[in-house]
Amino acid sequence: MTGQDQPLPQQPAGLDALLARQAAAARADRNDVVTAEALHEEALARKVPVSLATVYNTLHQFTEAGLLREVAVEGAKTYFDTNTSNHYHFFCEHSGQLMDIVLVMPVA
């Protein structure tokens, strides 16, 4: 077999998970609410070959570690919030966007 006939090396095991973690971590640096689907689309647009299942698994691992907060809306859609503090959300049915509600307490 010549050097040109050799198959390309396969990706190391776990590389997809590592790429998903890096993408999720970069997104988590922002104060943001995101869906797995949106993060998956963002990764694919950046030519990061990762499956939707890997993105979900990574987001769930981040949630278990306390880095994200899982927010279920109407039992059909799951969002992941980088703001893990105790706060409320507003869901816009028209746009499908989930937003944090910031309560400002008056200073006594």
N, C-alpha and C. Protein backbone atom coordinates (compact mmCIF):
# COMPACT_ATOMS: atom_id res chain seq x y z
N MET A 1 0.84 -1.18 0.00
CA MET A 1 0.00 0.00 0.00
C MET A 1 0.88 1.24 0.00
N THR A 2 0.63 2.18 -0.89
CA THR A 2 1.40 3.42 -0.92
C THR A 2 0.81 4.41 0.08
N GLY A 3 1.51 5.47 0.32
CA GLY A 3 1.04 6.49 1.25
C GLY A 3 -0.28 7.09 0.81
N GLN A 4 -0.52 7.12 -0.51
CA GLN A 4 -1.77 7.68 -1.02
C GLN A 4 -2.93 6.73 -0.84
N ASP A 5 -2.67 5.42 -0.71
CA ASP A 5 -3.73 4.43 -0.59
C ASP A 5 -4.18 4.18 0.85
N GLN A 6 -3.48 4.75 1.79
CA GLN A 6 -3.81 4.50 3.19
C GLN A 6 -5.09 5.23 3.56
N PRO A 7 -5.95 4.56 4.34
CA PRO A 7 -7.18 5.23 4.77
C PRO A 7 -6.87 6.38 5.71
N LEU A 8 -7.77 7.33 5.72
CA LEU A 8 -7.63 8.46 6.64
C LEU A 8 -7.80 7.97 8.07
N PRO A 9 -7.06 8.51 9.02
CA PRO A 9 -7.25 8.09 10.42
C PRO A 9 -8.62 8.50 10.91
N GLN A 10 -9.21 7.64 11.73
CA GLN A 10 -10.50 7.95 12.31
C GLN A 10 -10.33 8.94 13.45
N GLN A 11 -11.43 9.65 13.75
CA GLN A 11 -11.39 10.57 14.88
C GLN A 11 -11.19 9.77 16.15
N PRO A 12 -10.40 10.27 17.06
CA PRO A 12 -10.24 9.58 18.34
C PRO A 12 -11.59 9.45 19.05
N ALA A 13 -11.75 8.36 19.77
CA ALA A 13 -13.00 8.14 20.52
C ALA A 13 -13.21 9.30 21.48
N GLY A 14 -14.43 9.79 21.54
CA GLY A 14 -14.76 10.87 22.47
C GLY A 14 -14.51 12.26 21.91
N LEU A 15 -14.01 12.36 20.68
CA LEU A 15 -13.74 13.69 20.13
C LEU A 15 -15.02 14.48 19.94
N ASP A 16 -16.09 13.81 19.48
CA ASP A 16 -17.37 14.51 19.33
C ASP A 16 -17.83 15.10 20.66
N ALA A 17 -17.71 14.32 21.72
CA ALA A 17 -18.10 14.79 23.05
C ALA A 17 -17.24 15.97 23.48
N LEU A 18 -15.95 15.90 23.20
CA LEU A 18 -15.05 17.00 23.55
C LEU A 18 -15.43 18.27 22.80
N LEU A 19 -15.71 18.13 21.51
CA LEU A 19 -16.10 19.30 20.72
C LEU A 19 -17.42 19.88 21.22
N ALA A 20 -18.36 19.00 21.58
CA ALA A 20 -19.64 19.48 22.11
C ALA A 20 -19.43 20.20 23.43
N ARG A 21 -18.56 19.67 24.27
CA ARG A 21 -18.28 20.33 25.56
C ARG A 21 -17.67 21.70 25.34
N GLN A 22 -16.73 21.79 24.39
CA GLN A 22 -16.10 23.08 24.12
C GLN A 22 -17.12 24.09 23.61
N ALA A 23 -18.00 23.66 22.73
CA ALA A 23 -19.02 24.56 22.19
C ALA A 23 -19.99 24.99 23.28
N ALA A 24 -20.41 24.03 24.11
CA ALA A 24 -21.34 24.35 25.20
C ALA A 24 -20.68 25.26 26.22
N ALA A 25 -19.42 25.02 26.52
CA ALA A 25 -18.70 25.86 27.48
C ALA A 25 -18.55 27.28 26.95
N ALA A 26 -18.25 27.41 25.67
CA ALA A 26 -18.13 28.75 25.08
C ALA A 26 -19.45 29.49 25.17
N ARG A 27 -20.54 28.77 24.93
CA ARG A 27 -21.86 29.39 25.00
C ARG A 27 -22.22 29.71 26.45
N ALA A 28 -21.79 28.86 27.38
CA ALA A 28 -22.12 29.06 28.79
C ALA A 28 -21.42 30.28 29.37
N ASP A 29 -20.36 30.75 28.71
CA ASP A 29 -19.69 31.96 29.17
C ASP A 29 -20.58 33.19 29.01
N ARG A 30 -21.55 33.09 28.13
CA ARG A 30 -22.51 34.19 27.94
C ARG A 30 -23.68 33.98 28.89
N ASN A 31 -24.34 35.03 29.27
CA ASN A 31 -25.55 34.90 30.07
C ASN A 31 -26.68 34.68 29.08
N ASP A 32 -27.05 33.41 28.90
CA ASP A 32 -27.89 33.06 27.77
C ASP A 32 -28.77 31.87 28.11
N VAL A 33 -29.85 31.73 27.34
CA VAL A 33 -30.72 30.57 27.40
C VAL A 33 -30.66 29.95 26.01
N VAL A 34 -30.41 28.64 25.94
CA VAL A 34 -30.20 28.00 24.65
C VAL A 34 -30.89 26.64 24.62
N THR A 35 -31.24 26.20 23.43
CA THR A 35 -31.75 24.84 23.24
C THR A 35 -30.63 23.99 22.67
N ALA A 36 -30.76 22.68 22.84
CA ALA A 36 -29.78 21.77 22.27
C ALA A 36 -29.78 21.89 20.74
N GLU A 37 -30.96 22.06 20.17
CA GLU A 37 -31.06 22.18 18.72
C GLU A 37 -30.32 23.42 18.21
N ALA A 38 -30.46 24.54 18.89
CA ALA A 38 -29.79 25.76 18.47
C ALA A 38 -28.28 25.62 18.60
N LEU A 39 -27.83 25.01 19.67
CA LEU A 39 -26.39 24.80 19.88
C LEU A 39 -25.85 23.83 18.83
N HIS A 40 -26.63 22.82 18.49
CA HIS A 40 -26.24 21.85 17.46
C HIS A 40 -26.11 22.55 16.11
N GLU A 41 -27.09 23.39 15.75
CA GLU A 41 -27.03 24.13 14.49
C GLU A 41 -25.82 25.07 14.46
N GLU A 42 -25.53 25.69 15.59
CA GLU A 42 -24.38 26.59 15.68
C GLU A 42 -23.08 25.81 15.47
N ALA A 43 -22.99 24.63 16.06
CA ALA A 43 -21.79 23.80 15.90
C ALA A 43 -21.62 23.38 14.44
N LEU A 44 -22.70 22.94 13.80
CA LEU A 44 -22.62 22.51 12.40
C LEU A 44 -22.24 23.68 11.49
N ALA A 45 -22.75 24.87 11.78
CA ALA A 45 -22.42 26.05 10.99
C ALA A 45 -20.93 26.38 11.09
N ARG A 46 -20.33 26.01 12.22
CA ARG A 46 -18.89 26.24 12.42
C ARG A 46 -18.06 25.03 11.99
N LYS A 47 -18.72 24.10 11.29
CA LYS A 47 -18.06 22.89 10.77
C LYS A 47 -17.54 21.99 11.88
N VAL A 48 -18.25 21.95 13.01
CA VAL A 48 -17.92 21.04 14.11
C VAL A 48 -18.82 19.82 13.96
N PRO A 49 -18.25 18.67 13.61
CA PRO A 49 -19.06 17.47 13.37
C PRO A 49 -19.51 16.82 14.68
N VAL A 50 -20.70 17.15 15.12
CA VAL A 50 -21.18 16.62 16.39
C VAL A 50 -22.66 16.25 16.23
N SER A 51 -23.06 15.18 16.89
CA SER A 51 -24.47 14.75 16.78
C SER A 51 -25.32 15.51 17.79
N LEU A 52 -26.61 15.57 17.50
CA LEU A 52 -27.55 16.21 18.42
C LEU A 52 -27.58 15.46 19.75
N ALA A 53 -27.47 14.15 19.72
CA ALA A 53 -27.46 13.35 20.95
C ALA A 53 -26.26 13.72 21.83
N THR A 54 -25.12 13.95 21.20
CA THR A 54 -23.92 14.35 21.96
C THR A 54 -24.12 15.71 22.60
N VAL A 55 -24.76 16.62 21.87
CA VAL A 55 -25.03 17.95 22.43
C VAL A 55 -25.96 17.82 23.64
N TYR A 56 -27.04 17.03 23.50
CA TYR A 56 -27.95 16.80 24.64
C TYR A 56 -27.21 16.19 25.83
N ASN A 57 -26.42 15.17 25.57
CA ASN A 57 -25.68 14.51 26.66
C ASN A 57 -24.75 15.49 27.37
N THR A 58 -24.09 16.33 26.59
CA THR A 58 -23.17 17.32 27.16
C THR A 58 -23.93 18.35 28.00
N LEU A 59 -25.05 18.83 27.48
CA LEU A 59 -25.84 19.81 28.23
C LEU A 59 -26.37 19.20 29.53
N HIS A 60 -26.77 17.94 29.49
CA HIS A 60 -27.24 17.27 30.71
C HIS A 60 -26.10 17.08 31.71
N GLN A 61 -24.90 16.78 31.22
CA GLN A 61 -23.74 16.67 32.11
C GLN A 61 -23.42 18.02 32.75
N PHE A 62 -23.51 19.10 31.97
CA PHE A 62 -23.28 20.44 32.52
C PHE A 62 -24.35 20.78 33.55
N THR A 63 -25.58 20.35 33.30
CA THR A 63 -26.66 20.60 34.25
C THR A 63 -26.41 19.86 35.55
N GLU A 64 -26.02 18.60 35.45
CA GLU A 64 -25.73 17.80 36.65
C GLU A 64 -24.56 18.39 37.44
N ALA A 65 -23.62 19.02 36.75
CA ALA A 65 -22.47 19.63 37.41
C ALA A 65 -22.79 21.01 37.98
N GLY A 66 -24.02 21.50 37.72
CA GLY A 66 -24.42 22.80 38.25
C GLY A 66 -24.00 23.98 37.39
N LEU A 67 -23.54 23.72 36.17
CA LEU A 67 -23.10 24.80 35.29
C LEU A 67 -24.25 25.38 34.47
N LEU A 68 -25.31 24.60 34.31
CA LEU A 68 -26.50 25.04 33.58
C LEU A 68 -27.73 24.69 34.38
N ARG A 69 -28.82 25.33 34.04
CA ARG A 69 -30.11 25.04 34.66
C ARG A 69 -31.07 24.63 33.56
N GLU A 70 -31.72 23.48 33.72
CA GLU A 70 -32.65 22.99 32.72
C GLU A 70 -34.03 23.58 32.98
N VAL A 71 -34.64 24.12 31.93
CA VAL A 71 -35.96 24.74 32.04
C VAL A 71 -36.87 24.10 30.99
N ALA A 72 -37.93 23.42 31.45
CA ALA A 72 -38.88 22.80 30.54
C ALA A 72 -40.06 23.75 30.34
N VAL A 73 -40.45 23.93 29.08
CA VAL A 73 -41.57 24.80 28.74
C VAL A 73 -42.66 23.95 28.10
N GLU A 74 -43.83 24.00 28.69
CA GLU A 74 -44.99 23.29 28.18
C GLU A 74 -44.73 21.80 27.96
N GLY A 75 -43.76 21.24 28.65
CA GLY A 75 -43.46 19.82 28.57
C GLY A 75 -42.94 19.35 27.23
N ALA A 76 -42.81 20.25 26.25
CA ALA A 76 -42.39 19.83 24.93
C ALA A 76 -41.01 20.36 24.54
N LYS A 77 -40.60 21.44 25.13
CA LYS A 77 -39.35 22.09 24.75
C LYS A 77 -38.48 22.26 25.98
N THR A 78 -37.20 21.93 25.85
CA THR A 78 -36.27 22.09 26.96
C THR A 78 -35.23 23.13 26.60
N TYR A 79 -35.03 24.06 27.51
CA TYR A 79 -34.02 25.09 27.37
C TYR A 79 -32.97 24.87 28.44
N PHE A 80 -31.77 25.37 28.19
CA PHE A 80 -30.69 25.30 29.16
C PHE A 80 -30.22 26.72 29.41
N ASP A 81 -30.25 27.11 30.68
CA ASP A 81 -29.97 28.48 31.10
C ASP A 81 -28.61 28.54 31.76
N THR A 82 -27.77 29.49 31.33
CA THR A 82 -26.46 29.66 31.95
C THR A 82 -26.56 30.38 33.29
N ASN A 83 -27.70 31.02 33.54
CA ASN A 83 -27.92 31.69 34.82
C ASN A 83 -28.54 30.66 35.77
N THR A 84 -27.74 30.13 36.68
CA THR A 84 -28.21 29.07 37.57
C THR A 84 -28.80 29.60 38.87
N SER A 85 -28.88 30.91 39.01
CA SER A 85 -29.47 31.48 40.22
C SER A 85 -30.98 31.26 40.20
N ASN A 86 -31.62 31.45 41.34
CA ASN A 86 -33.07 31.29 41.45
C ASN A 86 -33.73 32.51 40.82
N HIS A 87 -34.39 32.32 39.69
CA HIS A 87 -35.05 33.42 39.00
C HIS A 87 -36.19 32.89 38.14
N TYR A 88 -36.96 33.81 37.59
CA TYR A 88 -38.12 33.46 36.78
C TYR A 88 -37.81 33.65 35.30
N HIS A 89 -38.70 33.08 34.47
CA HIS A 89 -38.55 33.19 33.02
C HIS A 89 -39.85 33.66 32.38
N PHE A 90 -39.70 34.27 31.22
CA PHE A 90 -40.83 34.65 30.39
C PHE A 90 -40.67 33.92 29.06
N PHE A 91 -41.73 33.22 28.62
CA PHE A 91 -41.70 32.50 27.36
C PHE A 91 -42.60 33.21 26.36
N CYS A 92 -42.03 33.60 25.23
CA CYS A 92 -42.80 34.24 24.16
C CYS A 92 -43.26 33.16 23.20
N GLU A 93 -44.57 32.91 23.18
CA GLU A 93 -45.11 31.86 22.31
C GLU A 93 -44.91 32.19 20.84
N HIS A 94 -44.93 33.45 20.49
CA HIS A 94 -44.79 33.87 19.10
C HIS A 94 -43.39 33.55 18.54
N SER A 95 -42.35 33.91 19.29
CA SER A 95 -40.98 33.72 18.81
C SER A 95 -40.35 32.42 19.31
N GLY A 96 -40.92 31.84 20.37
CA GLY A 96 -40.32 30.64 20.95
C GLY A 96 -39.12 30.95 21.82
N GLN A 97 -38.93 32.21 22.15
CA GLN A 97 -37.78 32.64 22.94
C GLN A 97 -38.11 32.59 24.43
N LEU A 98 -37.16 32.10 25.21
CA LEU A 98 -37.27 32.08 26.67
C LEU A 98 -36.31 33.12 27.22
N MET A 99 -36.83 34.01 28.05
CA MET A 99 -36.00 35.11 28.57
C MET A 99 -36.03 35.12 30.09
N ASP A 100 -34.92 35.52 30.67
CA ASP A 100 -34.86 35.69 32.12
C ASP A 100 -35.64 36.92 32.52
N ILE A 101 -36.29 36.84 33.67
CA ILE A 101 -36.94 38.00 34.26
C ILE A 101 -36.03 38.44 35.40
N VAL A 102 -35.59 39.67 35.32
CA VAL A 102 -34.71 40.21 36.33
C VAL A 102 -35.53 41.07 37.27
N LEU A 103 -35.57 40.68 38.53
CA LEU A 103 -36.27 41.46 39.53
C LEU A 103 -35.28 42.35 40.25
N VAL A 104 -35.59 43.62 40.30
CA VAL A 104 -34.74 44.56 40.99
C VAL A 104 -35.40 44.91 42.30
N MET A 105 -34.71 44.59 43.37
CA MET A 105 -35.25 44.86 44.71
C MET A 105 -34.82 46.26 45.14
N PRO A 106 -35.77 47.03 45.66
CA PRO A 106 -35.42 48.39 46.10
C PRO A 106 -34.48 48.33 47.32
N VAL A 107 -33.58 49.26 47.34
CA VAL A 107 -32.63 49.35 48.46
C VAL A 107 -33.31 50.14 49.57
N ALA A 108 -33.32 49.59 50.76
CA ALA A 108 -34.00 50.24 51.89
C ALA A 108 -33.13 51.30 52.50
